[in-house]
Amino acid sequence: MGEINSQLTSSKKTVPEVEVPSGNFSVSGRELKYRTTTGLTLKPTVGKTTTILGTYSSDTGKILDELGNIKSLDFGPRDGGFNLLNTPDELYISPEQFWENYNKPWLDNVIQRGDIIKIATEPTSQNIYRINKLTGETELTGFGKEFEYLKSNGYKYDDINKRMIKP
């Protein structure tokens, strides 16, 4: 965690200073009302952190709304709660900067903790890739980067349970 905090501290030097609350998406074991586009029922597991990945427009935006849409840089565990990346908007400068300074360190914590990782949005090519409007090239979406990063770290997609698992 110290390494992550040091990365976050150094990364903040290149972005505007913002007040960042300590967010916690714990809901005391309560199942969420929202059903994901993959058909998942979202209920946290006592004693574990449940990380949820998906596209903002299809799923995670609605999940964040139900959880109170807390913006935070607290990448720590959520014992019996949900973990979604939801940093203050001011920290986003470019996809590359955001990935290196926030998204990748957040996922590294997910991997290190051994979180339960639920996939809210089906990882189809339509959700994993997009056309870059400036270059015309096909590139990974944010969700696509997360999905591929987990695969590069030994995870496999369990299509039946809609989870990323380490065999």
N, C-alpha and C. Protein backbone atom coordinates (compact mmCIF):
# COMPACT_ATOMS: atom_id res chain seq x y z
N MET A 1 0.83 -1.19 0.00
CA MET A 1 0.00 0.00 0.00
C MET A 1 0.87 1.25 0.00
N GLY A 2 2.02 1.19 0.68
CA GLY A 2 2.92 2.34 0.71
C GLY A 2 3.37 2.73 -0.68
N GLU A 3 3.66 1.71 -1.52
CA GLU A 3 4.07 1.99 -2.90
C GLU A 3 2.95 2.68 -3.67
N ILE A 4 1.74 2.20 -3.49
CA ILE A 4 0.59 2.81 -4.17
C ILE A 4 0.41 4.25 -3.70
N ASN A 5 0.48 4.46 -2.38
CA ASN A 5 0.33 5.82 -1.87
C ASN A 5 1.40 6.74 -2.42
N SER A 6 2.63 6.23 -2.52
CA SER A 6 3.71 7.05 -3.06
C SER A 6 3.48 7.34 -4.53
N GLN A 7 2.94 6.37 -5.29
CA GLN A 7 2.61 6.62 -6.69
C GLN A 7 1.51 7.67 -6.80
N LEU A 8 0.50 7.57 -5.94
CA LEU A 8 -0.59 8.53 -5.98
C LEU A 8 -0.09 9.92 -5.61
N THR A 9 0.77 9.99 -4.60
CA THR A 9 1.30 11.27 -4.18
C THR A 9 2.09 11.91 -5.30
N SER A 10 2.97 11.12 -5.94
CA SER A 10 3.76 11.68 -7.02
C SER A 10 2.90 12.02 -8.22
N SER A 11 1.84 11.24 -8.48
CA SER A 11 1.00 11.52 -9.63
C SER A 11 0.17 12.78 -9.42
N LYS A 12 -0.15 13.13 -8.18
CA LYS A 12 -0.96 14.31 -7.91
C LYS A 12 -0.21 15.59 -8.28
N LYS A 13 1.12 15.52 -8.40
CA LYS A 13 1.89 16.71 -8.74
C LYS A 13 1.55 17.21 -10.14
N THR A 14 1.04 16.32 -10.99
CA THR A 14 0.76 16.70 -12.37
C THR A 14 -0.71 17.01 -12.60
N VAL A 15 -1.52 16.90 -11.57
CA VAL A 15 -2.95 17.16 -11.72
C VAL A 15 -3.40 18.20 -10.70
N PRO A 16 -4.54 18.82 -10.92
CA PRO A 16 -5.01 19.83 -9.97
C PRO A 16 -5.19 19.26 -8.57
N GLU A 17 -4.95 20.09 -7.57
CA GLU A 17 -5.19 19.69 -6.19
C GLU A 17 -6.69 19.65 -5.95
N VAL A 18 -7.17 18.56 -5.39
CA VAL A 18 -8.60 18.45 -5.10
C VAL A 18 -8.78 17.85 -3.72
N GLU A 19 -9.87 18.17 -3.10
CA GLU A 19 -10.24 17.58 -1.81
C GLU A 19 -10.83 16.21 -2.10
N VAL A 20 -10.25 15.17 -1.51
CA VAL A 20 -10.69 13.81 -1.81
C VAL A 20 -11.17 13.14 -0.53
N PRO A 21 -12.47 12.85 -0.43
CA PRO A 21 -12.96 12.16 0.75
C PRO A 21 -12.54 10.70 0.74
N SER A 22 -12.58 10.09 1.87
CA SER A 22 -12.32 8.66 1.97
C SER A 22 -13.63 7.94 1.69
N GLY A 23 -13.73 7.34 0.52
CA GLY A 23 -15.00 6.70 0.13
C GLY A 23 -15.07 5.27 0.62
N ASN A 24 -16.23 4.85 1.01
CA ASN A 24 -16.43 3.47 1.40
C ASN A 24 -17.79 3.03 0.89
N PHE A 25 -17.77 2.00 0.07
CA PHE A 25 -19.00 1.50 -0.54
C PHE A 25 -19.55 0.31 0.23
N SER A 26 -19.35 0.27 1.54
CA SER A 26 -19.90 -0.81 2.34
C SER A 26 -21.41 -0.60 2.51
N VAL A 27 -22.15 -1.65 2.36
CA VAL A 27 -23.60 -1.56 2.51
C VAL A 27 -24.11 -2.65 3.44
N SER A 28 -23.26 -3.07 4.37
CA SER A 28 -23.63 -4.04 5.39
C SER A 28 -24.27 -5.30 4.83
N GLY A 29 -23.67 -5.86 3.80
CA GLY A 29 -24.16 -7.12 3.24
C GLY A 29 -25.43 -6.98 2.43
N ARG A 30 -25.88 -5.76 2.21
CA ARG A 30 -27.13 -5.53 1.49
C ARG A 30 -26.97 -5.75 -0.01
N GLU A 31 -27.90 -6.48 -0.57
CA GLU A 31 -27.94 -6.68 -2.01
C GLU A 31 -28.40 -5.40 -2.68
N LEU A 32 -27.77 -5.04 -3.79
CA LEU A 32 -28.18 -3.85 -4.52
C LEU A 32 -29.44 -4.13 -5.33
N LYS A 33 -30.22 -3.10 -5.56
CA LYS A 33 -31.44 -3.23 -6.36
C LYS A 33 -31.10 -3.40 -7.84
N TYR A 34 -30.03 -2.73 -8.29
CA TYR A 34 -29.66 -2.76 -9.70
C TYR A 34 -29.20 -4.15 -10.12
N ARG A 35 -29.67 -4.62 -11.27
CA ARG A 35 -29.20 -5.87 -11.89
C ARG A 35 -28.35 -5.49 -13.08
N THR A 36 -27.17 -6.06 -13.17
CA THR A 36 -26.24 -5.69 -14.23
C THR A 36 -26.72 -6.21 -15.58
N THR A 37 -26.12 -5.67 -16.63
CA THR A 37 -26.48 -6.12 -17.98
C THR A 37 -26.03 -7.56 -18.22
N THR A 38 -25.12 -8.08 -17.39
CA THR A 38 -24.75 -9.50 -17.49
C THR A 38 -25.70 -10.36 -16.67
N GLY A 39 -26.66 -9.73 -15.97
CA GLY A 39 -27.64 -10.46 -15.18
C GLY A 39 -27.24 -10.71 -13.75
N LEU A 40 -26.13 -10.12 -13.31
CA LEU A 40 -25.67 -10.35 -11.93
C LEU A 40 -26.54 -9.66 -10.90
N THR A 41 -26.73 -10.36 -9.80
CA THR A 41 -27.26 -9.78 -8.58
C THR A 41 -26.02 -9.39 -7.78
N LEU A 42 -25.97 -8.17 -7.29
CA LEU A 42 -24.78 -7.71 -6.58
C LEU A 42 -25.03 -7.70 -5.08
N LYS A 43 -24.33 -8.61 -4.41
CA LYS A 43 -24.39 -8.70 -2.96
C LYS A 43 -22.95 -8.88 -2.47
N PRO A 44 -22.52 -8.05 -1.54
CA PRO A 44 -21.15 -8.19 -1.05
C PRO A 44 -20.98 -9.44 -0.18
N THR A 45 -19.73 -9.83 -0.01
CA THR A 45 -19.39 -11.00 0.79
C THR A 45 -18.71 -10.56 2.08
N VAL A 46 -19.22 -10.97 3.20
CA VAL A 46 -18.64 -10.62 4.49
C VAL A 46 -17.17 -11.07 4.52
N GLY A 47 -16.31 -10.18 4.98
CA GLY A 47 -14.89 -10.50 5.11
C GLY A 47 -14.09 -10.36 3.83
N LYS A 48 -14.73 -9.98 2.74
CA LYS A 48 -14.05 -9.82 1.45
C LYS A 48 -14.43 -8.50 0.82
N THR A 49 -13.62 -8.05 -0.11
CA THR A 49 -13.93 -6.89 -0.92
C THR A 49 -14.44 -7.40 -2.26
N THR A 50 -15.57 -6.88 -2.71
CA THR A 50 -16.13 -7.26 -4.00
C THR A 50 -15.92 -6.11 -4.98
N THR A 51 -15.02 -6.32 -5.93
CA THR A 51 -14.73 -5.33 -6.96
C THR A 51 -15.67 -5.56 -8.13
N ILE A 52 -16.20 -4.47 -8.67
CA ILE A 52 -17.11 -4.55 -9.81
C ILE A 52 -16.50 -3.80 -10.98
N LEU A 53 -16.42 -4.48 -12.12
CA LEU A 53 -15.90 -3.88 -13.35
C LEU A 53 -16.97 -3.90 -14.43
N GLY A 54 -16.94 -2.89 -15.28
CA GLY A 54 -17.86 -2.82 -16.40
C GLY A 54 -17.76 -1.46 -17.05
N THR A 55 -18.58 -1.21 -18.04
CA THR A 55 -18.59 0.10 -18.67
C THR A 55 -19.46 1.04 -17.86
N TYR A 56 -19.06 2.29 -17.83
CA TYR A 56 -19.81 3.29 -17.06
C TYR A 56 -21.21 3.46 -17.62
N SER A 57 -21.32 3.57 -18.94
CA SER A 57 -22.62 3.85 -19.55
C SER A 57 -23.60 2.69 -19.40
N SER A 58 -23.10 1.46 -19.42
CA SER A 58 -24.00 0.31 -19.31
C SER A 58 -24.32 -0.08 -17.88
N ASP A 59 -23.34 0.03 -16.98
CA ASP A 59 -23.54 -0.54 -15.65
C ASP A 59 -22.97 0.27 -14.49
N THR A 60 -21.67 0.54 -14.50
CA THR A 60 -21.06 1.07 -13.28
C THR A 60 -21.60 2.44 -12.88
N GLY A 61 -22.04 3.24 -13.84
CA GLY A 61 -22.66 4.52 -13.50
C GLY A 61 -23.90 4.34 -12.64
N LYS A 62 -24.72 3.37 -13.00
CA LYS A 62 -25.95 3.09 -12.25
C LYS A 62 -25.63 2.51 -10.87
N ILE A 63 -24.61 1.66 -10.82
CA ILE A 63 -24.19 1.07 -9.53
C ILE A 63 -23.66 2.17 -8.61
N LEU A 64 -22.81 3.03 -9.15
CA LEU A 64 -22.27 4.14 -8.35
C LEU A 64 -23.39 5.04 -7.84
N ASP A 65 -24.37 5.31 -8.68
CA ASP A 65 -25.51 6.14 -8.24
C ASP A 65 -26.22 5.49 -7.05
N GLU A 66 -26.44 4.20 -7.12
CA GLU A 66 -27.12 3.51 -6.01
C GLU A 66 -26.28 3.53 -4.74
N LEU A 67 -24.96 3.52 -4.90
CA LEU A 67 -24.07 3.51 -3.74
C LEU A 67 -23.75 4.91 -3.20
N GLY A 68 -24.27 5.95 -3.86
CA GLY A 68 -24.04 7.30 -3.37
C GLY A 68 -23.02 8.10 -4.16
N ASN A 69 -22.46 7.51 -5.21
CA ASN A 69 -21.53 8.18 -6.12
C ASN A 69 -20.41 8.92 -5.39
N ILE A 70 -19.75 8.26 -4.47
CA ILE A 70 -18.66 8.83 -3.68
C ILE A 70 -17.39 8.85 -4.53
N LYS A 71 -16.79 10.02 -4.68
CA LYS A 71 -15.52 10.18 -5.39
C LYS A 71 -14.40 10.00 -4.36
N SER A 72 -13.39 9.19 -4.70
CA SER A 72 -12.38 8.89 -3.70
C SER A 72 -11.09 8.38 -4.33
N LEU A 73 -10.00 8.54 -3.60
CA LEU A 73 -8.72 7.92 -3.94
C LEU A 73 -8.38 6.84 -2.92
N ASP A 74 -9.33 6.45 -2.12
CA ASP A 74 -9.12 5.39 -1.14
C ASP A 74 -9.19 4.05 -1.89
N PHE A 75 -8.04 3.47 -2.16
CA PHE A 75 -7.97 2.21 -2.91
C PHE A 75 -7.89 1.01 -1.97
N GLY A 76 -8.19 1.23 -0.70
CA GLY A 76 -8.10 0.18 0.31
C GLY A 76 -9.26 -0.79 0.24
N PRO A 77 -9.21 -1.80 1.13
CA PRO A 77 -10.24 -2.83 1.14
C PRO A 77 -11.60 -2.29 1.56
N ARG A 78 -12.63 -2.98 1.19
CA ARG A 78 -14.01 -2.68 1.55
C ARG A 78 -14.60 -3.94 2.18
N ASP A 79 -14.21 -4.22 3.41
CA ASP A 79 -14.65 -5.44 4.07
C ASP A 79 -16.17 -5.53 4.06
N GLY A 80 -16.66 -6.53 3.34
CA GLY A 80 -18.10 -6.71 3.25
C GLY A 80 -18.77 -5.66 2.37
N GLY A 81 -18.00 -5.00 1.50
CA GLY A 81 -18.55 -3.95 0.66
C GLY A 81 -18.06 -4.04 -0.78
N PHE A 82 -18.43 -3.03 -1.56
CA PHE A 82 -18.09 -2.98 -2.97
C PHE A 82 -16.94 -2.03 -3.24
N ASN A 83 -16.16 -2.36 -4.25
CA ASN A 83 -15.02 -1.57 -4.67
C ASN A 83 -15.21 -1.21 -6.15
N LEU A 84 -15.38 0.08 -6.42
CA LEU A 84 -15.45 0.58 -7.79
C LEU A 84 -14.51 1.78 -7.89
N LEU A 85 -13.85 1.93 -9.02
CA LEU A 85 -12.99 3.08 -9.21
C LEU A 85 -13.86 4.28 -9.55
N ASN A 86 -13.78 5.32 -8.72
CA ASN A 86 -14.59 6.52 -8.92
C ASN A 86 -13.85 7.72 -8.34
N THR A 87 -12.82 8.14 -9.07
CA THR A 87 -11.98 9.25 -8.61
C THR A 87 -12.63 10.59 -8.96
N PRO A 88 -12.18 11.67 -8.32
CA PRO A 88 -12.68 12.99 -8.69
C PRO A 88 -12.41 13.28 -10.17
N ASP A 89 -13.37 13.86 -10.84
CA ASP A 89 -13.28 14.12 -12.29
C ASP A 89 -12.06 14.95 -12.66
N GLU A 90 -11.64 15.87 -11.79
CA GLU A 90 -10.52 16.77 -12.07
C GLU A 90 -9.20 16.03 -12.27
N LEU A 91 -9.12 14.78 -11.83
CA LEU A 91 -7.86 14.03 -11.93
C LEU A 91 -7.64 13.44 -13.30
N TYR A 92 -8.68 13.42 -14.14
CA TYR A 92 -8.56 12.83 -15.47
C TYR A 92 -8.01 13.87 -16.45
N ILE A 93 -6.84 13.55 -17.03
CA ILE A 93 -6.24 14.41 -18.05
C ILE A 93 -6.27 13.71 -19.41
N SER A 94 -5.86 12.45 -19.42
CA SER A 94 -5.85 11.67 -20.65
C SER A 94 -6.03 10.20 -20.28
N PRO A 95 -6.44 9.37 -21.24
CA PRO A 95 -6.59 7.94 -20.92
C PRO A 95 -5.29 7.31 -20.41
N GLU A 96 -4.16 7.67 -21.01
CA GLU A 96 -2.87 7.08 -20.60
C GLU A 96 -2.50 7.52 -19.19
N GLN A 97 -2.64 8.82 -18.91
CA GLN A 97 -2.31 9.35 -17.59
C GLN A 97 -3.21 8.73 -16.52
N PHE A 98 -4.49 8.64 -16.82
CA PHE A 98 -5.43 8.10 -15.85
C PHE A 98 -5.13 6.62 -15.58
N TRP A 99 -4.84 5.87 -16.63
CA TRP A 99 -4.52 4.45 -16.47
C TRP A 99 -3.30 4.28 -15.56
N GLU A 100 -2.22 4.98 -15.86
CA GLU A 100 -0.97 4.81 -15.12
C GLU A 100 -1.06 5.33 -13.68
N ASN A 101 -1.73 6.46 -13.48
CA ASN A 101 -1.75 7.08 -12.15
C ASN A 101 -2.85 6.58 -11.22
N TYR A 102 -3.94 6.08 -11.78
CA TYR A 102 -5.08 5.72 -10.93
C TYR A 102 -5.63 4.32 -11.20
N ASN A 103 -5.98 4.03 -12.44
CA ASN A 103 -6.64 2.77 -12.73
C ASN A 103 -5.75 1.56 -12.47
N LYS A 104 -4.53 1.58 -12.99
CA LYS A 104 -3.61 0.45 -12.78
C LYS A 104 -3.26 0.26 -11.30
N PRO A 105 -2.91 1.32 -10.54
CA PRO A 105 -2.64 1.13 -9.11
C PRO A 105 -3.86 0.59 -8.36
N TRP A 106 -5.05 1.04 -8.74
CA TRP A 106 -6.29 0.53 -8.13
C TRP A 106 -6.42 -0.97 -8.39
N LEU A 107 -6.20 -1.39 -9.65
CA LEU A 107 -6.29 -2.82 -9.98
C LEU A 107 -5.18 -3.62 -9.29
N ASP A 108 -4.00 -3.03 -9.16
CA ASP A 108 -2.92 -3.74 -8.46
C ASP A 108 -3.33 -4.05 -7.03
N ASN A 109 -4.05 -3.15 -6.38
CA ASN A 109 -4.56 -3.42 -5.03
C ASN A 109 -5.60 -4.53 -5.05
N VAL A 110 -6.47 -4.51 -6.06
CA VAL A 110 -7.49 -5.55 -6.21
C VAL A 110 -6.80 -6.92 -6.31
N ILE A 111 -5.78 -7.00 -7.14
CA ILE A 111 -5.04 -8.25 -7.35
C ILE A 111 -4.34 -8.67 -6.06
N GLN A 112 -3.65 -7.74 -5.42
CA GLN A 112 -2.91 -8.04 -4.20
C GLN A 112 -3.82 -8.55 -3.09
N ARG A 113 -5.00 -7.98 -2.96
CA ARG A 113 -5.94 -8.40 -1.92
C ARG A 113 -6.64 -9.71 -2.25
N GLY A 114 -6.71 -10.06 -3.52
CA GLY A 114 -7.46 -11.25 -3.92
C GLY A 114 -8.96 -11.02 -3.87
N ASP A 115 -9.38 -9.81 -4.28
CA ASP A 115 -10.81 -9.46 -4.27
C ASP A 115 -11.64 -10.43 -5.09
N ILE A 116 -12.92 -10.52 -4.76
CA ILE A 116 -13.91 -11.12 -5.64
C ILE A 116 -14.12 -10.10 -6.75
N ILE A 117 -13.99 -10.50 -8.01
CA ILE A 117 -14.11 -9.56 -9.12
C ILE A 117 -15.31 -9.95 -9.96
N LYS A 118 -16.35 -9.12 -9.89
CA LYS A 118 -17.57 -9.38 -10.66
C LYS A 118 -17.58 -8.50 -11.91
N ILE A 119 -18.03 -9.08 -13.01
CA ILE A 119 -18.08 -8.38 -14.28
C ILE A 119 -19.52 -7.99 -14.57
N ALA A 120 -19.78 -6.69 -14.51
CA ALA A 120 -21.14 -6.18 -14.68
C ALA A 120 -21.54 -6.06 -16.15
N THR A 121 -20.56 -5.82 -17.02
CA THR A 121 -20.81 -5.63 -18.45
C THR A 121 -20.16 -6.76 -19.22
N GLU A 122 -20.87 -7.35 -20.15
CA GLU A 122 -20.32 -8.46 -20.94
C GLU A 122 -19.06 -7.99 -21.69
N PRO A 123 -17.96 -8.75 -21.58
CA PRO A 123 -16.72 -8.35 -22.25
C PRO A 123 -16.72 -8.72 -23.74
N THR A 124 -17.61 -8.10 -24.49
CA THR A 124 -17.67 -8.31 -25.94
C THR A 124 -16.72 -7.32 -26.61
N SER A 125 -16.42 -7.55 -27.86
CA SER A 125 -15.51 -6.64 -28.58
C SER A 125 -16.09 -5.22 -28.59
N GLN A 126 -17.39 -5.10 -28.65
CA GLN A 126 -18.05 -3.78 -28.63
C GLN A 126 -17.77 -3.04 -27.32
N ASN A 127 -17.64 -3.76 -26.20
CA ASN A 127 -17.38 -3.14 -24.91
C ASN A 127 -15.89 -3.04 -24.58
N ILE A 128 -15.08 -3.87 -25.21
CA ILE A 128 -13.65 -3.92 -24.92
C ILE A 128 -12.86 -2.95 -25.82
N TYR A 129 -13.35 -2.70 -27.03
CA TYR A 129 -12.64 -1.86 -27.99
C TYR A 129 -13.46 -0.66 -28.41
N ARG A 130 -12.77 0.37 -28.85
CA ARG A 130 -13.40 1.57 -29.43
C ARG A 130 -12.48 2.11 -30.51
N ILE A 131 -13.02 2.97 -31.34
CA ILE A 131 -12.22 3.66 -32.35
C ILE A 131 -11.80 5.00 -31.76
N ASN A 132 -10.50 5.26 -31.76
CA ASN A 132 -9.98 6.54 -31.29
C ASN A 132 -10.39 7.61 -32.29
N LYS A 133 -11.11 8.63 -31.85
CA LYS A 133 -11.63 9.67 -32.74
C LYS A 133 -10.54 10.50 -33.38
N LEU A 134 -9.38 10.60 -32.73
CA LEU A 134 -8.28 11.40 -33.28
C LEU A 134 -7.45 10.63 -34.29
N THR A 135 -7.18 9.35 -33.98
CA THR A 135 -6.28 8.57 -34.83
C THR A 135 -7.00 7.63 -35.78
N GLY A 136 -8.26 7.31 -35.48
CA GLY A 136 -8.99 6.35 -36.29
C GLY A 136 -8.60 4.90 -36.00
N GLU A 137 -7.69 4.72 -35.06
CA GLU A 137 -7.20 3.39 -34.69
C GLU A 137 -8.12 2.73 -33.66
N THR A 138 -8.16 1.41 -33.70
CA THR A 138 -8.88 0.66 -32.68
C THR A 138 -8.01 0.57 -31.44
N GLU A 139 -8.62 0.82 -30.27
CA GLU A 139 -7.88 0.75 -29.01
C GLU A 139 -8.79 0.17 -27.94
N LEU A 140 -8.17 -0.22 -26.83
CA LEU A 140 -8.95 -0.73 -25.70
C LEU A 140 -9.68 0.40 -25.00
N THR A 141 -10.91 0.12 -24.57
CA THR A 141 -11.64 1.04 -23.70
C THR A 141 -11.04 0.94 -22.30
N GLY A 142 -11.48 1.77 -21.38
CA GLY A 142 -11.04 1.64 -19.99
C GLY A 142 -11.37 0.27 -19.44
N PHE A 143 -12.60 -0.19 -19.67
CA PHE A 143 -13.02 -1.52 -19.25
C PHE A 143 -12.16 -2.58 -19.94
N GLY A 144 -11.87 -2.37 -21.21
CA GLY A 144 -11.02 -3.31 -21.95
C GLY A 144 -9.63 -3.41 -21.36
N LYS A 145 -9.06 -2.27 -20.97
CA LYS A 145 -7.73 -2.28 -20.33
C LYS A 145 -7.77 -3.06 -19.02
N GLU A 146 -8.83 -2.83 -18.24
CA GLU A 146 -8.95 -3.54 -16.96
C GLU A 146 -9.06 -5.04 -17.19
N PHE A 147 -9.91 -5.43 -18.12
CA PHE A 147 -10.14 -6.84 -18.43
C PHE A 147 -8.85 -7.51 -18.91
N GLU A 148 -8.16 -6.87 -19.84
CA GLU A 148 -6.91 -7.43 -20.38
C GLU A 148 -5.79 -7.43 -19.34
N TYR A 149 -5.75 -6.41 -18.49
CA TYR A 149 -4.73 -6.35 -17.44
C TYR A 149 -4.90 -7.52 -16.47
N LEU A 150 -6.14 -7.79 -16.09
CA LEU A 150 -6.38 -8.93 -15.20
C LEU A 150 -5.99 -10.23 -15.88
N LYS A 151 -6.31 -10.39 -17.16
CA LYS A 151 -5.90 -11.59 -17.88
C LYS A 151 -4.38 -11.72 -17.93
N SER A 152 -3.68 -10.62 -18.12
CA SER A 152 -2.21 -10.66 -18.16
C SER A 152 -1.63 -10.98 -16.78
N ASN A 153 -2.44 -10.88 -15.74
CA ASN A 153 -2.02 -11.22 -14.38
C ASN A 153 -2.57 -12.56 -13.92
N GLY A 154 -2.92 -13.42 -14.88
CA GLY A 154 -3.30 -14.79 -14.57
C GLY A 154 -4.78 -15.05 -14.36
N TYR A 155 -5.62 -14.04 -14.52
CA TYR A 155 -7.07 -14.22 -14.34
C TYR A 155 -7.70 -14.73 -15.62
N LYS A 156 -8.80 -15.44 -15.45
CA LYS A 156 -9.61 -15.91 -16.57
C LYS A 156 -11.04 -15.47 -16.32
N TYR A 157 -11.76 -15.28 -17.41
CA TYR A 157 -13.16 -14.88 -17.29
C TYR A 157 -14.04 -16.11 -17.15
N ASP A 158 -14.81 -16.17 -16.08
CA ASP A 158 -15.78 -17.23 -15.84
C ASP A 158 -17.11 -16.73 -16.40
N ASP A 159 -17.44 -17.17 -17.60
CA ASP A 159 -18.62 -16.70 -18.33
C ASP A 159 -19.92 -17.11 -17.64
N ILE A 160 -19.90 -18.19 -16.90
CA ILE A 160 -21.13 -18.64 -16.23
C ILE A 160 -21.44 -17.77 -15.02
N ASN A 161 -20.44 -17.52 -14.17
CA ASN A 161 -20.65 -16.74 -12.95
C ASN A 161 -20.34 -15.25 -13.12
N LYS A 162 -19.88 -14.85 -14.31
CA LYS A 162 -19.58 -13.45 -14.63
C LYS A 162 -18.57 -12.87 -13.64
N ARG A 163 -17.46 -13.59 -13.50
CA ARG A 163 -16.39 -13.20 -12.58
C ARG A 163 -15.05 -13.41 -13.22
N MET A 164 -14.06 -12.69 -12.74
CA MET A 164 -12.67 -12.96 -13.11
C MET A 164 -12.12 -13.83 -11.98
N ILE A 165 -11.53 -14.96 -12.37
CA ILE A 165 -11.02 -15.89 -11.37
C ILE A 165 -9.58 -16.22 -11.68
N LYS A 166 -8.85 -16.61 -10.65
CA LYS A 166 -7.48 -17.09 -10.81
C LYS A 166 -7.53 -18.60 -10.62
N PRO A 167 -7.33 -19.33 -11.72
CA PRO A 167 -7.42 -20.81 -11.64
C PRO A 167 -6.35 -21.40 -10.73
